[in-house]
C-alpha atoms as a PDB file:
ATOM      1  CA  UNK A   1       2.466  11.195 -26.901  1.00  0.00           C
ATOM      2  CA  UNK A   2       4.000  11.874 -23.498  1.00  0.00           C
ATOM      3  CA  UNK A   3       3.420   9.531 -20.553  1.00  0.00           C
ATOM      4  CA  UNK A   4       1.742  12.426 -18.735  1.00  0.00           C
ATOM      5  CA  UNK A   5      -0.925  12.327 -21.431  1.00  0.00           C
ATOM      6  CA  UNK A   6      -1.355   8.561 -21.249  1.00  0.00           C
ATOM      7  CA  UNK A   7      -1.343   7.919 -17.513  1.00  0.00           C
ATOM      8  CA  UNK A   8      -0.386   4.902 -15.445  1.00  0.00           C
ATOM      9  CA  UNK A   9      -3.555   2.815 -15.714  1.00  0.00           C
ATOM     10  CA  UNK A  10      -3.895   3.079 -19.524  1.00  0.00           C
ATOM     11  CA  UNK A  11      -0.163   2.360 -19.867  1.00  0.00           C
ATOM     12  CA  UNK A  12      -0.523  -0.836 -17.828  1.00  0.00           C
ATOM     13  CA  UNK A  13      -3.474  -1.831 -19.994  1.00  0.00           C
ATOM     14  CA  UNK A  14      -1.389  -1.278 -23.149  1.00  0.00           C
ATOM     15  CA  UNK A  15       1.315  -3.564 -21.771  1.00  0.00           C
ATOM     16  CA  UNK A  16      -1.280  -6.098 -20.736  1.00  0.00           C
ATOM     17  CA  UNK A  17      -2.787  -6.249 -24.221  1.00  0.00           C
ATOM     18  CA  UNK A  18       0.628  -6.662 -25.780  1.00  0.00           C
ATOM     19  CA  UNK A  19       1.795  -9.416 -23.439  1.00  0.00           C
ATOM     20  CA  UNK A  20      -1.556 -10.848 -22.380  1.00  0.00           C
ATOM     21  CA  UNK A  21      -1.032 -14.248 -23.964  1.00  0.00           C
ATOM     22  CA  UNK A  22      -0.191 -16.529 -21.051  1.00  0.00           C
ATOM     23  CA  UNK A  23       2.200 -19.438 -21.202  1.00  0.00           C
ATOM     24  CA  UNK A  24       1.029 -22.812 -20.002  1.00  0.00           C
ATOM     25  CA  UNK A  25       1.074 -22.944 -16.229  1.00  0.00           C
ATOM     26  CA  UNK A  26       0.491 -19.210 -15.709  1.00  0.00           C
ATOM     27  CA  UNK A  27      -2.754 -18.927 -13.740  1.00  0.00           C
ATOM     28  CA  UNK A  28      -2.638 -15.142 -13.294  1.00  0.00           C
ATOM     29  CA  UNK A  29      -0.349 -12.555 -14.830  1.00  0.00           C
ATOM     30  CA  UNK A  30      -0.649  -8.786 -15.342  1.00  0.00           C
ATOM     31  CA  UNK A  31      -3.655  -7.362 -13.496  1.00  0.00           C
ATOM     32  CA  UNK A  32      -3.265  -8.829 -10.011  1.00  0.00           C
ATOM     33  CA  UNK A  33      -1.106  -8.085  -6.981  1.00  0.00           C
ATOM     34  CA  UNK A  34       1.134 -11.022  -7.862  1.00  0.00           C
ATOM     35  CA  UNK A  35       1.587 -13.452 -10.703  1.00  0.00           C
ATOM     36  CA  UNK A  36       0.422 -17.008 -10.024  1.00  0.00           C
ATOM     37  CA  UNK A  37       2.381 -19.943 -11.446  1.00  0.00           C
ATOM     38  CA  UNK A  38       0.977 -23.454 -11.306  1.00  0.00           C
ATOM     39  CA  UNK A  39       3.047 -25.866  -9.225  1.00  0.00           C
ATOM     40  CA  UNK A  40       2.685 -29.415  -7.962  1.00  0.00           C
ATOM     41  CA  UNK A  41       1.672 -28.842  -4.340  1.00  0.00           C
ATOM     42  CA  UNK A  42       1.204 -25.091  -3.856  1.00  0.00           C
ATOM     43  CA  UNK A  43       0.979 -22.461  -6.565  1.00  0.00           C
ATOM     44  CA  UNK A  44       3.869 -19.987  -6.694  1.00  0.00           C
ATOM     45  CA  UNK A  45       3.187 -16.286  -6.187  1.00  0.00           C
ATOM     46  CA  UNK A  46       5.672 -13.747  -7.585  1.00  0.00           C
ATOM     47  CA  UNK A  47       5.585  -9.971  -7.126  1.00  0.00           C
ATOM     48  CA  UNK A  48       7.935  -7.005  -7.398  1.00  0.00           C
ATOM     49  CA  UNK A  49       8.012  -3.371  -6.238  1.00  0.00           C
ATOM     50  CA  UNK A  50      10.510  -0.539  -6.455  1.00  0.00           C
ATOM     51  CA  UNK A  51      11.185   2.619  -4.452  1.00  0.00           C
ATOM     52  CA  UNK A  52      12.944   5.677  -5.907  1.00  0.00           C
ATOM     53  CA  UNK A  53      14.464   8.625  -4.084  1.00  0.00           C
ATOM     54  CA  UNK A  54      12.355  11.736  -4.611  1.00  0.00           C
ATOM     55  CA  UNK A  55       9.307   9.689  -5.619  1.00  0.00           C
ATOM     56  CA  UNK A  56       8.780   7.133  -2.849  1.00  0.00           C
ATOM     57  CA  UNK A  57      10.999   8.503  -0.098  1.00  0.00           C
ATOM     58  CA  UNK A  58      12.634  11.746   1.034  1.00  0.00           C
ATOM     59  CA  UNK A  59      15.951  11.387   2.870  1.00  0.00           C
ATOM     60  CA  UNK A  60      15.319  14.561   4.862  1.00  0.00           C
ATOM     61  CA  UNK A  61      12.945  12.569   7.076  1.00  0.00           C
ATOM     62  CA  UNK A  62      13.420   8.930   6.030  1.00  0.00           C
ATOM     63  CA  UNK A  63      16.290   6.745   7.248  1.00  0.00           C
ATOM     64  CA  UNK A  64      17.935   3.896   5.332  1.00  0.00           C
ATOM     65  CA  UNK A  65      16.393   1.600   7.951  1.00  0.00           C
ATOM     66  CA  UNK A  66      12.884   2.837   7.093  1.00  0.00           C
ATOM     67  CA  UNK A  67      13.534   2.300   3.378  1.00  0.00           C
ATOM     68  CA  UNK A  68      14.664  -1.287   3.837  1.00  0.00           C
ATOM     69  CA  UNK A  69      11.827  -2.121   6.210  1.00  0.00           C
ATOM     70  CA  UNK A  70       9.166  -0.569   3.984  1.00  0.00           C
ATOM     71  CA  UNK A  71      10.499  -2.197   0.822  1.00  0.00           C
ATOM     72  CA  UNK A  72      10.001  -5.644   2.323  1.00  0.00           C
ATOM     73  CA  UNK A  73       6.580  -4.775   3.778  1.00  0.00           C
ATOM     74  CA  UNK A  74       5.086  -3.481   0.529  1.00  0.00           C
ATOM     75  CA  UNK A  75       6.100  -6.646  -1.303  1.00  0.00           C
ATOM     76  CA  UNK A  76       4.750  -8.847   1.472  1.00  0.00           C
ATOM     77  CA  UNK A  77       1.493  -6.896   1.249  1.00  0.00           C
ATOM     78  CA  UNK A  78       1.121  -8.010  -2.383  1.00  0.00           C
ATOM     79  CA  UNK A  79       1.568 -11.666  -1.442  1.00  0.00           C
ATOM     80  CA  UNK A  80      -0.882 -11.309   1.456  1.00  0.00           C
ATOM     81  CA  UNK A  81      -3.371  -9.671  -0.942  1.00  0.00           C
ATOM     82  CA  UNK A  82      -3.379 -12.921  -2.923  1.00  0.00           C
ATOM     83  CA  UNK A  83      -4.045 -14.928   0.229  1.00  0.00           C
ATOM     84  CA  UNK A  84      -0.521 -16.302   0.091  1.00  0.00           C
ATOM     85  CA  UNK A  85       2.448 -16.889   2.369  1.00  0.00           C
ATOM     86  CA  UNK A  86       5.662 -14.931   1.586  1.00  0.00           C
ATOM     87  CA  UNK A  87       8.854 -16.951   1.473  1.00  0.00           C
ATOM     88  CA  UNK A  88      11.866 -15.827  -0.613  1.00  0.00           C
ATOM     89  CA  UNK A  89      13.179 -12.299  -1.216  1.00  0.00           C
ATOM     90  CA  UNK A  90      15.491 -10.848  -3.883  1.00  0.00           C
ATOM     91  CA  UNK A  91      16.826  -7.265  -3.762  1.00  0.00           C
ATOM     92  CA  UNK A  92      18.096  -4.856  -6.421  1.00  0.00           C
ATOM     93  CA  UNK A  93      19.941  -1.742  -5.241  1.00  0.00           C
ATOM     94  CA  UNK A  94      21.431   1.232  -7.120  1.00  0.00           C
ATOM     95  CA  UNK A  95      23.591   3.584  -5.050  1.00  0.00           C
ATOM     96  CA  UNK A  96      25.967   6.463  -5.698  1.00  0.00           C
ATOM     97  CA  UNK A  97      29.617   5.605  -5.010  1.00  0.00           C
ATOM     98  CA  UNK A  98      29.910   8.514  -2.548  1.00  0.00           C
ATOM     99  CA  UNK A  99      27.214   7.190  -0.195  1.00  0.00           C
ATOM    100  CA  UNK A 100      28.595   6.207   3.199  1.00  0.00           C
ATOM    101  CA  UNK A 101      28.662   2.533   4.140  1.00  0.00           C
ATOM    102  CA  UNK A 102      26.448   3.375   7.128  1.00  0.00           C
ATOM    103  CA  UNK A 103      23.593   3.865   4.654  1.00  0.00           C
ATOM    104  CA  UNK A 104      23.973   0.290   3.419  1.00  0.00           C
ATOM    105  CA  UNK A 105      24.199  -1.003   6.991  1.00  0.00           C
ATOM    106  CA  UNK A 106      21.026   0.844   8.002  1.00  0.00           C
ATOM    107  CA  UNK A 107      19.165  -0.302   4.893  1.00  0.00           C
ATOM    108  CA  UNK A 108      19.974  -3.945   5.525  1.00  0.00           C
ATOM    109  CA  UNK A 109      19.088  -3.572   9.204  1.00  0.00           C
ATOM    110  CA  UNK A 110      15.594  -2.599   8.045  1.00  0.00           C
ATOM    111  CA  UNK A 111      15.461  -5.446   5.538  1.00  0.00           C
ATOM    112  CA  UNK A 112      16.618  -7.892   8.214  1.00  0.00           C
ATOM    113  CA  UNK A 113      14.036  -6.841  10.795  1.00  0.00           C
ATOM    114  CA  UNK A 114      11.150  -6.900   8.309  1.00  0.00           C
ATOM    115  CA  UNK A 115      12.270 -10.239   6.868  1.00  0.00           C
ATOM    116  CA  UNK A 116      12.361 -11.648  10.396  1.00  0.00           C
ATOM    117  CA  UNK A 117       8.865 -10.295  11.100  1.00  0.00           C
ATOM    118  CA  UNK A 118       7.379 -11.922   7.991  1.00  0.00           C
ATOM    119  CA  UNK A 119       9.629 -15.019   8.091  1.00  0.00           C
ATOM    120  CA  UNK A 120      11.073 -14.511   4.634  1.00  0.00           C
ATOM    121  CA  UNK A 121      14.609 -15.348   3.490  1.00  0.00           C
ATOM    122  CA  UNK A 122      16.864 -13.106   1.391  1.00  0.00           C
ATOM    123  CA  UNK A 123      18.228 -15.353  -1.352  1.00  0.00           C
ATOM    124  CA  UNK A 124      19.917 -12.979  -3.811  1.00  0.00           C
ATOM    125  CA  UNK A 125      19.606  -9.914  -5.990  1.00  0.00           C
ATOM    126  CA  UNK A 126      21.711  -7.371  -7.851  1.00  0.00           C
ATOM    127  CA  UNK A 127      23.681  -4.220  -7.073  1.00  0.00           C
ATOM    128  CA  UNK A 128      24.591  -1.304  -9.313  1.00  0.00           C
ATOM    129  CA  UNK A 129      26.095   2.178  -9.109  1.00  0.00           C
ATOM    130  CA  UNK A 130      23.985   5.231  -9.898  1.00  0.00           C
ATOM    131  CA  UNK A 131      25.024   8.696 -10.998  1.00  0.00           C
ATOM    132  CA  UNK A 132      22.232  10.379  -9.076  1.00  0.00           C
ATOM    133  CA  UNK A 133      19.701   9.250  -6.516  1.00  0.00           C
ATOM    134  CA  UNK A 134      18.944   5.928  -4.875  1.00  0.00           C
ATOM    135  CA  UNK A 135      16.793   3.162  -6.332  1.00  0.00           C
ATOM    136  CA  UNK A 136      15.829  -0.031  -4.534  1.00  0.00           C
ATOM    137  CA  UNK A 137      13.582  -2.849  -5.673  1.00  0.00           C
ATOM    138  CA  UNK A 138      12.521  -6.216  -4.375  1.00  0.00           C
ATOM    139  CA  UNK A 139      10.977  -9.335  -5.806  1.00  0.00           C
ATOM    140  CA  UNK A 140       9.176 -11.700  -3.491  1.00  0.00           C
ATOM    141  CA  UNK A 141       8.229 -15.315  -4.048  1.00  0.00           C
ATOM    142  CA  UNK A 142       5.469 -16.908  -2.011  1.00  0.00           C
ATOM    143  CA  UNK A 143       2.964 -19.696  -2.298  1.00  0.00           C
ATOM    144  CA  UNK A 144      -0.705 -20.497  -1.792  1.00  0.00           C
ATOM    145  CA  UNK A 145      -2.987 -23.482  -2.023  1.00  0.00           C
ATOM    146  CA  UNK A 146      -5.844 -21.308  -3.271  1.00  0.00           C
ATOM    147  CA  UNK A 147      -5.023 -17.773  -4.416  1.00  0.00           C
ATOM    148  CA  UNK A 148      -7.461 -14.866  -4.082  1.00  0.00           C
ATOM    149  CA  UNK A 149      -7.534 -12.694  -7.176  1.00  0.00           C
ATOM    150  CA  UNK A 150      -9.132  -9.349  -7.972  1.00  0.00           C
ATOM    151  CA  UNK A 151     -11.584 -10.970 -10.366  1.00  0.00           C
ATOM    152  CA  UNK A 152     -13.798 -12.955  -7.963  1.00  0.00           C
ATOM    153  CA  UNK A 153     -16.233 -10.328  -6.671  1.00  0.00           C
ATOM    154  CA  UNK A 154     -19.933 -10.885  -7.381  1.00  0.00           C
ATOM    155  CA  UNK A 155     -23.004  -8.635  -7.012  1.00  0.00           C
ATOM    156  CA  UNK A 156     -24.282  -8.938  -3.462  1.00  0.00           C
ATOM    157  CA  UNK A 157     -20.833  -9.409  -1.916  1.00  0.00           C
ATOM    158  CA  UNK A 158     -20.002  -7.038   0.913  1.00  0.00           C
ATOM    159  CA  UNK A 159     -16.913  -4.815   0.648  1.00  0.00           C
ATOM    160  CA  UNK A 160     -14.497  -4.812   3.588  1.00  0.00           C
ATOM    161  CA  UNK A 161     -11.265  -3.045   4.511  1.00  0.00           C
ATOM    162  CA  UNK A 162      -8.761  -3.739   7.261  1.00  0.00           C
ATOM    163  CA  UNK A 163      -7.431  -1.134   9.684  1.00  0.00           C
ATOM    164  CA  UNK A 164      -7.900   2.604   9.215  1.00  0.00           C
ATOM    165  CA  UNK A 165      -7.445   4.494   5.970  1.00  0.00           C
ATOM    166  CA  UNK A 166      -5.580   7.714   5.247  1.00  0.00           C
ATOM    167  CA  UNK A 167      -3.087   7.421   8.109  1.00  0.00           C
ATOM    168  CA  UNK A 168      -0.069   7.143   5.807  1.00  0.00           C
ATOM    169  CA  UNK A 169      -1.035  10.083   3.588  1.00  0.00           C
ATOM    170  CA  UNK A 170      -1.707  12.220   6.648  1.00  0.00           C
ATOM    171  CA  UNK A 171       1.604  11.120   8.168  1.00  0.00           C
ATOM    172  CA  UNK A 172       3.414  12.192   5.000  1.00  0.00           C
ATOM    173  CA  UNK A 173       1.756  15.607   5.084  1.00  0.00           C
ATOM    174  CA  UNK A 174       2.805  16.041   8.709  1.00  0.00           C
ATOM    175  CA  UNK A 175       6.392  15.116   7.846  1.00  0.00           C
ATOM    176  CA  UNK A 176       6.384  17.691   5.057  1.00  0.00           C
ATOM    177  CA  UNK A 177       4.704  20.588   6.863  1.00  0.00           C
ATOM    178  CA  UNK A 178       4.316  20.180  10.627  1.00  0.00           C
ATOM    179  CA  UNK A 179       7.646  18.869  11.907  1.00  0.00           C
ATOM    180  CA  UNK A 180      11.303  19.851  11.641  1.00  0.00           C
ATOM    181  CA  UNK A 181      13.087  16.501  11.272  1.00  0.00           C
ATOM    182  CA  UNK A 182      16.537  16.135  12.798  1.00  0.00           C
ATOM    183  CA  UNK A 183      18.265  13.556  10.584  1.00  0.00           C
ATOM    184  CA  UNK A 184      21.115  13.064  13.055  1.00  0.00           C
ATOM    185  CA  UNK A 185      18.609  12.110  15.748  1.00  0.00           C
ATOM    186  CA  UNK A 186      16.499   9.793  13.590  1.00  0.00           C
ATOM    187  CA  UNK A 187      17.058   6.148  14.486  1.00  0.00           C
ATOM    188  CA  UNK A 188      15.507   2.796  13.695  1.00  0.00           C
ATOM    189  CA  UNK A 189      12.408   3.529  15.689  1.00  0.00           C
ATOM    190  CA  UNK A 190      10.309   6.670  15.886  1.00  0.00           C
ATOM    191  CA  UNK A 191      11.087   9.121  18.662  1.00  0.00           C
ATOM    192  CA  UNK A 192       9.603  12.512  19.454  1.00  0.00           C
ATOM    193  CA  UNK A 193      13.032  14.155  19.528  1.00  0.00           C
ATOM    194  CA  UNK A 194      13.662  13.025  15.944  1.00  0.00           C
ATOM    195  CA  UNK A 195      10.542  14.722  14.603  1.00  0.00           C
ATOM    196  CA  UNK A 196       9.911  17.839  16.742  1.00  0.00           C
ATOM    197  CA  UNK A 197       6.706  19.710  15.943  1.00  0.00           C
ATOM    198  CA  UNK A 198       7.006  23.288  14.761  1.00  0.00           C
ATOM    199  CA  UNK A 199       5.793  25.970  17.167  1.00  0.00           C
ATOM    200  CA  UNK A 200       2.911  26.804  14.832  1.00  0.00           C
ATOM    201  CA  UNK A 201       1.414  23.325  14.984  1.00  0.00           C
ATOM    202  CA  UNK A 202       2.175  22.844  18.665  1.00  0.00           C
ATOM    203  CA  UNK A 203       0.061  25.896  19.323  1.00  0.00           C
ATOM    204  CA  UNK A 204      -2.699  24.430  17.159  1.00  0.00           C
ATOM    205  CA  UNK A 205      -2.815  21.320  19.358  1.00  0.00           C
ATOM    206  CA  UNK A 206      -0.735  18.705  17.568  1.00  0.00           C
ATOM    207  CA  UNK A 207       1.125  16.378  19.913  1.00  0.00           C
ATOM    208  CA  UNK A 208       3.497  13.449  19.475  1.00  0.00           C
ATOM    209  CA  UNK A 209       0.788  11.024  20.615  1.00  0.00           C
ATOM    210  CA  UNK A 210      -1.415  12.234  17.763  1.00  0.00           C
ATOM    211  CA  UNK A 211       1.157  12.180  14.976  1.00  0.00           C
ATOM    212  CA  UNK A 212       3.343   9.188  15.875  1.00  0.00           C
ATOM    213  CA  UNK A 213       0.994   6.420  14.626  1.00  0.00           C
ATOM    214  CA  UNK A 214       0.463   8.382  11.393  1.00  0.00           C
ATOM    215  CA  UNK A 215       4.190   8.818  10.767  1.00  0.00           C
ATOM    216  CA  UNK A 216       4.706   5.156  11.704  1.00  0.00           C
ATOM    217  CA  UNK A 217       2.175   4.035   9.104  1.00  0.00           C
ATOM    218  CA  UNK A 218       3.955   6.024   6.416  1.00  0.00           C
ATOM    219  CA  UNK A 219       7.573   5.194   7.238  1.00  0.00           C
ATOM    220  CA  UNK A 220       7.220   1.639   8.569  1.00  0.00           C
ATOM    221  CA  UNK A 221       3.948   0.067   7.406  1.00  0.00           C
ATOM    222  CA  UNK A 222       3.145  -3.440   8.587  1.00  0.00           C
ATOM    223  CA  UNK A 223       1.423  -5.628   5.992  1.00  0.00           C
ATOM    224  CA  UNK A 224      -1.911  -7.120   7.088  1.00  0.00           C
ATOM    225  CA  UNK A 225      -1.972 -10.902   7.226  1.00  0.00           C
ATOM    226  CA  UNK A 226      -5.368 -12.153   5.957  1.00  0.00           C
ATOM    227  CA  UNK A 227      -4.993 -15.610   7.485  1.00  0.00           C
ATOM    228  CA  UNK A 228      -8.188 -15.350   9.561  1.00  0.00           C
ATOM    229  CA  UNK A 229     -10.473 -14.229   6.726  1.00  0.00           C
ATOM    230  CA  UNK A 230      -8.777 -15.405   3.512  1.00  0.00           C
ATOM    231  CA  UNK A 231     -11.091 -18.398   3.319  1.00  0.00           C
ATOM    232  CA  UNK A 232     -14.090 -16.052   3.152  1.00  0.00           C
ATOM    233  CA  UNK A 233     -12.736 -13.555   0.607  1.00  0.00           C
ATOM    234  CA  UNK A 234     -14.022 -13.739  -2.960  1.00  0.00           C
ATOM    235  CA  UNK A 235     -11.671 -11.027  -4.261  1.00  0.00           C
ATOM    236  CA  UNK A 236      -8.876  -8.987  -2.691  1.00  0.00           C
ATOM    237  CA  UNK A 237      -6.360  -6.213  -3.369  1.00  0.00           C
ATOM    238  CA  UNK A 238      -3.998  -4.251  -1.155  1.00  0.00           C
ATOM    239  CA  UNK A 239      -4.596  -0.507  -0.816  1.00  0.00           C
ATOM    240  CA  UNK A 240      -1.342   0.949  -2.074  1.00  0.00           C
ATOM    241  CA  UNK A 241      -2.512   3.880  -4.216  1.00  0.00           C
ATOM    242  CA  UNK A 242      -5.767   4.774  -2.454  1.00  0.00           C
ATOM    243  CA  UNK A 243      -9.117   3.182  -1.609  1.00  0.00           C
ATOM    244  CA  UNK A 244     -11.093   4.448  -4.609  1.00  0.00           C
ATOM    245  CA  UNK A 245      -8.472   3.767  -7.276  1.00  0.00           C
ATOM    246  CA  UNK A 246      -7.723   0.293  -5.920  1.00  0.00           C
ATOM    247  CA  UNK A 247     -11.424  -0.505  -5.567  1.00  0.00           C
ATOM    248  CA  UNK A 248     -11.781   0.535  -9.217  1.00  0.00           C
ATOM    249  CA  UNK A 249      -9.053  -1.923 -10.163  1.00  0.00           C
ATOM    250  CA  UNK A 250     -10.829  -4.732  -8.319  1.00  0.00           C
ATOM    251  CA  UNK A 251     -14.173  -3.831  -9.908  1.00  0.00           C
ATOM    252  CA  UNK A 252     -12.602  -3.679 -13.372  1.00  0.00           C
ATOM    253  CA  UNK A 253     -11.134  -7.155 -12.989  1.00  0.00           C
ATOM    254  CA  UNK A 254     -14.402  -8.541 -11.598  1.00  0.00           C
ATOM    255  CA  UNK A 255     -16.503  -6.589 -14.132  1.00  0.00           C
ATOM    256  CA  UNK A 256     -18.835  -5.315 -11.413  1.00  0.00           C
ATOM    257  CA  UNK A 257     -19.985  -2.074  -9.785  1.00  0.00           C
ATOM    258  CA  UNK A 258     -19.807  -0.916  -6.185  1.00  0.00           C
ATOM    259  CA  UNK A 259     -21.723   1.122  -3.638  1.00  0.00           C
ATOM    260  CA  UNK A 260     -19.626   2.742  -0.894  1.00  0.00           C
ATOM    261  CA  UNK A 261     -21.026   4.386   2.244  1.00  0.00           C
ATOM    262  CA  UNK A 262     -18.663   7.271   3.025  1.00  0.00           C
ATOM    263  CA  UNK A 263     -19.489   7.440   6.726  1.00  0.00           C
ATOM    264  CA  UNK A 264     -18.448   3.778   7.131  1.00  0.00           C
ATOM    265  CA  UNK A 265     -14.903   4.311   5.823  1.00  0.00           C
ATOM    266  CA  UNK A 266     -12.706   3.770   8.928  1.00  0.00           C
ATOM    267  CA  UNK A 267     -10.754   6.845  10.029  1.00  0.00           C
ATOM    268  CA  UNK A 268      -8.548   6.853  13.113  1.00  0.00           C
ATOM    269  CA  UNK A 269      -9.102   9.525  15.798  1.00  0.00           C
ATOM    270  CA  UNK A 270      -5.487  10.616  15.367  1.00  0.00           C
ATOM    271  CA  UNK A 271      -5.882  11.120  11.618  1.00  0.00           C
ATOM    272  CA  UNK A 272      -9.161  12.974  12.039  1.00  0.00           C
ATOM    273  CA  UNK A 273      -7.591  15.337  14.575  1.00  0.00           C
ATOM    274  CA  UNK A 274      -4.320  15.855  12.704  1.00  0.00           C
ATOM    275  CA  UNK A 275      -5.939  16.394   9.307  1.00  0.00           C
ATOM    276  CA  UNK A 276      -8.209  19.108  10.681  1.00  0.00           C
ATOM    277  CA  UNK A 277      -5.221  20.900  12.206  1.00  0.00           C
ATOM    278  CA  UNK A 278      -3.093  20.785   9.034  1.00  0.00           C
ATOM    279  CA  UNK A 279      -6.084  21.800   6.916  1.00  0.00           C
ATOM    280  CA  UNK A 280      -6.817  18.586   5.046  1.00  0.00           C
ATOM    281  CA  UNK A 281     -10.060  16.679   4.484  1.00  0.00           C
ATOM    282  CA  UNK A 282      -9.917  13.419   6.466  1.00  0.00           C
ATOM    283  CA  UNK A 283     -12.435  11.660   4.205  1.00  0.00           C
ATOM    284  CA  UNK A 284     -10.507  12.613   1.079  1.00  0.00           C
ATOM    285  CA  UNK A 285      -7.291  11.318   2.646  1.00  0.00           C
ATOM    286  CA  UNK A 286      -9.035   8.034   3.537  1.00  0.00           C
ATOM    287  CA  UNK A 287     -10.547   7.690   0.058  1.00  0.00           C
ATOM    288  CA  UNK A 288      -7.577   8.657  -2.098  1.00  0.00           C
ATOM    289  CA  UNK A 289      -4.469   8.804   0.098  1.00  0.00           C
ATOM    290  CA  UNK A 290      -1.881   6.226  -0.898  1.00  0.00           C
ATOM    291  CA  UNK A 291       0.449   3.808   0.869  1.00  0.00           C
ATOM    292  CA  UNK A 292      -1.878   2.538   3.587  1.00  0.00           C
ATOM    293  CA  UNK A 293      -1.133  -1.090   2.656  1.00  0.00           C
ATOM    294  CA  UNK A 294      -4.382  -2.224   4.200  1.00  0.00           C
ATOM    295  CA  UNK A 295      -6.421  -4.948   2.505  1.00  0.00           C
ATOM    296  CA  UNK A 296      -9.627  -4.365   0.542  1.00  0.00           C
ATOM    297  CA  UNK A 297     -11.664  -7.511  -0.002  1.00  0.00           C
ATOM    298  CA  UNK A 298     -15.133  -8.799  -0.792  1.00  0.00           C
ATOM    299  CA  UNK A 299     -17.015 -11.640   0.883  1.00  0.00           C
ATOM    300  CA  UNK A 300     -20.482 -13.200   0.972  1.00  0.00           C
ATOM    301  CA  UNK A 301     -20.686 -13.015   4.775  1.00  0.00           C
ATOM    302  CA  UNK A 302     -18.892 -11.251   7.620  1.00  0.00           C
ATOM    303  CA  UNK A 303     -15.529 -12.987   8.114  1.00  0.00           C
ATOM    304  CA  UNK A 304     -13.715 -13.671  11.396  1.00  0.00           C
ATOM    305  CA  UNK A 305     -11.307 -10.831  12.159  1.00  0.00           C
ATOM    306  CA  UNK A 306      -8.666 -12.822  14.018  1.00  0.00           C
ATOM    307  CA  UNK A 307      -7.269  -9.756  15.730  1.00  0.00           C
ATOM    308  CA  UNK A 308      -7.365  -7.568  12.614  1.00  0.00           C
ATOM    309  CA  UNK A 309      -9.800  -4.636  12.514  1.00  0.00           C
ATOM    310  CA  UNK A 310     -12.308  -5.238   9.702  1.00  0.00           C
ATOM    311  CA  UNK A 311     -14.951  -2.748   8.530  1.00  0.00           C
ATOM    312  CA  UNK A 312     -17.734  -3.221   5.994  1.00  0.00           C
ATOM    313  CA  UNK A 313     -17.853  -0.090   3.808  1.00  0.00           C
ATOM    314  CA  UNK A 314     -20.308  -1.102   1.096  1.00  0.00           C
ATOM    315  CA  UNK A 315     -21.388  -3.762  -1.336  1.00  0.00           C
ATOM    316  CA  UNK A 316     -20.710  -5.005  -4.847  1.00  0.00           C
ATOM    317  CA  UNK A 317     -23.347  -4.136  -7.447  1.00  0.00           C
ATOM    318  CA  UNK A 318     -23.888  -5.160 -11.053  1.00  0.00           C
ATOM    319  CA  UNK A 319     -22.669  -2.034 -12.797  1.00  0.00           C
ATOM    320  CA  UNK A 320     -22.750   1.461 -11.293  1.00  0.00           C
ATOM    321  CA  UNK A 321     -19.995   2.668  -8.940  1.00  0.00           C
ATOM    322  CA  UNK A 322     -21.262   5.234  -6.475  1.00  0.00           C
ATOM    323  CA  UNK A 323     -20.553   6.809  -3.087  1.00  0.00           C
ATOM    324  CA  UNK A 324     -23.357   7.540  -0.609  1.00  0.00           C
ATOM    325  CA  UNK A 325     -22.645  10.389   1.812  1.00  0.00           C
ATOM    326  CA  UNK A 326     -23.923  10.763   5.382  1.00  0.00           C
ATOM    327  CA  UNK A 327     -27.074  12.507   4.106  1.00  0.00           C
ATOM    328  CA  UNK A 328     -27.894   9.739   1.660  1.00  0.00           C
ATOM    329  CA  UNK A 329     -26.797  11.697  -1.410  1.00  0.00           C
ATOM    330  CA  UNK A 330     -25.327   9.638  -4.227  1.00  0.00           C
ATOM    331  CA  UNK A 331     -22.333  10.665  -6.349  1.00  0.00           C
ATOM    332  CA  UNK A 332     -20.236   8.845  -8.902  1.00  0.00           C
ATOM    333  CA  UNK A 333     -17.200   7.086  -7.459  1.00  0.00           C
ATOM    334  CA  UNK A 334     -14.152   8.847  -8.889  1.00  0.00           C
ATOM    335  CA  UNK A 335     -10.943   6.993  -9.653  1.00  0.00           C
ATOM    336  CA  UNK A 336      -8.891   9.057  -7.225  1.00  0.00           C
ATOM    337  CA  UNK A 337      -5.568   8.048  -5.766  1.00  0.00           C
ATOM    338  CA  UNK A 338      -1.865   8.097  -6.537  1.00  0.00           C
ATOM    339  CA  UNK A 339      -0.891   7.529 -10.150  1.00  0.00           C
ATOM    340  CA  UNK A 340       2.551   7.792 -11.658  1.00  0.00           C
ATOM    341  CA  UNK A 341       3.102  10.332 -14.430  1.00  0.00           C
ATOM    342  CA  UNK A 342       0.810  12.858 -12.723  1.00  0.00           C
ATOM    343  CA  UNK A 343      -2.524  11.679 -14.099  1.00  0.00           C
ATOM    344  CA  UNK A 344      -5.713  11.949 -12.039  1.00  0.00           C
ATOM    345  CA  UNK A 345      -9.052  10.904 -13.435  1.00  0.00           C
END
């Protein structure tokens, strides 16, 4: 049977069943954003993520700096999703021998700036040659006094998300269809001259002020620190593959249902405007677009935001998982979002 016929989620479950027996001291293993290892003072949190050329990034509009920065951020997001503090970083890199040294310099500039932002230290890793394409991966070690897992949600808990959803997916669509990137002009930051809009979309009303925060969210996401509300959260996960698919993962671990109110899902004005111009459904992007790296969590009562935008989008139920639209109509919540191997359910 091909992987395309199995799908990512069932494949993970197969691995989990095979290696589900935990060693002594392992508090949480496969099934959460990070593994949790019992320690004397604070429990250790360990996570890993990889990024592959052609799958996770396109060099026609992504710089080495963006890749390095994003790689650190997505791993930090996993540690934050456990209510932890990131600390030590390891990197694995596979590059073709013909790549210019400037690529390596730019990549590590991005790693350096993100590591400085999150106060993590690079302590090692591995490097290899590749015959084709670029592959980078990171492992991050953090700690927590009391970790927040996906399995703690209870019926009656409210469901919250940070920030706005769908910005990254919309930003990616804009990069693919509405701009003509100039790689030679692309630098560490994001500048209008690096991503000029095509005449077609200029005429339709797209502007740099509209698209820049969307492109920023895709190329250089900043992980959300849950410090202000972690003490209130009963369960948490980061939104890496899409709201609905990641909510499904949380519900599966907690063995609960969910009721989501579609009109409460937070959508930025920029994403709403841009998606309408490029012909995409803003609600669908918010519900199933990947790589937002916002936090989805449950809590008994409204938590303090601490400078982070928090929106209640629904509540945990005993069994059924449904979405209520603006007219009060109820539909089954579909497990939609990004899955490797091309499976959508």
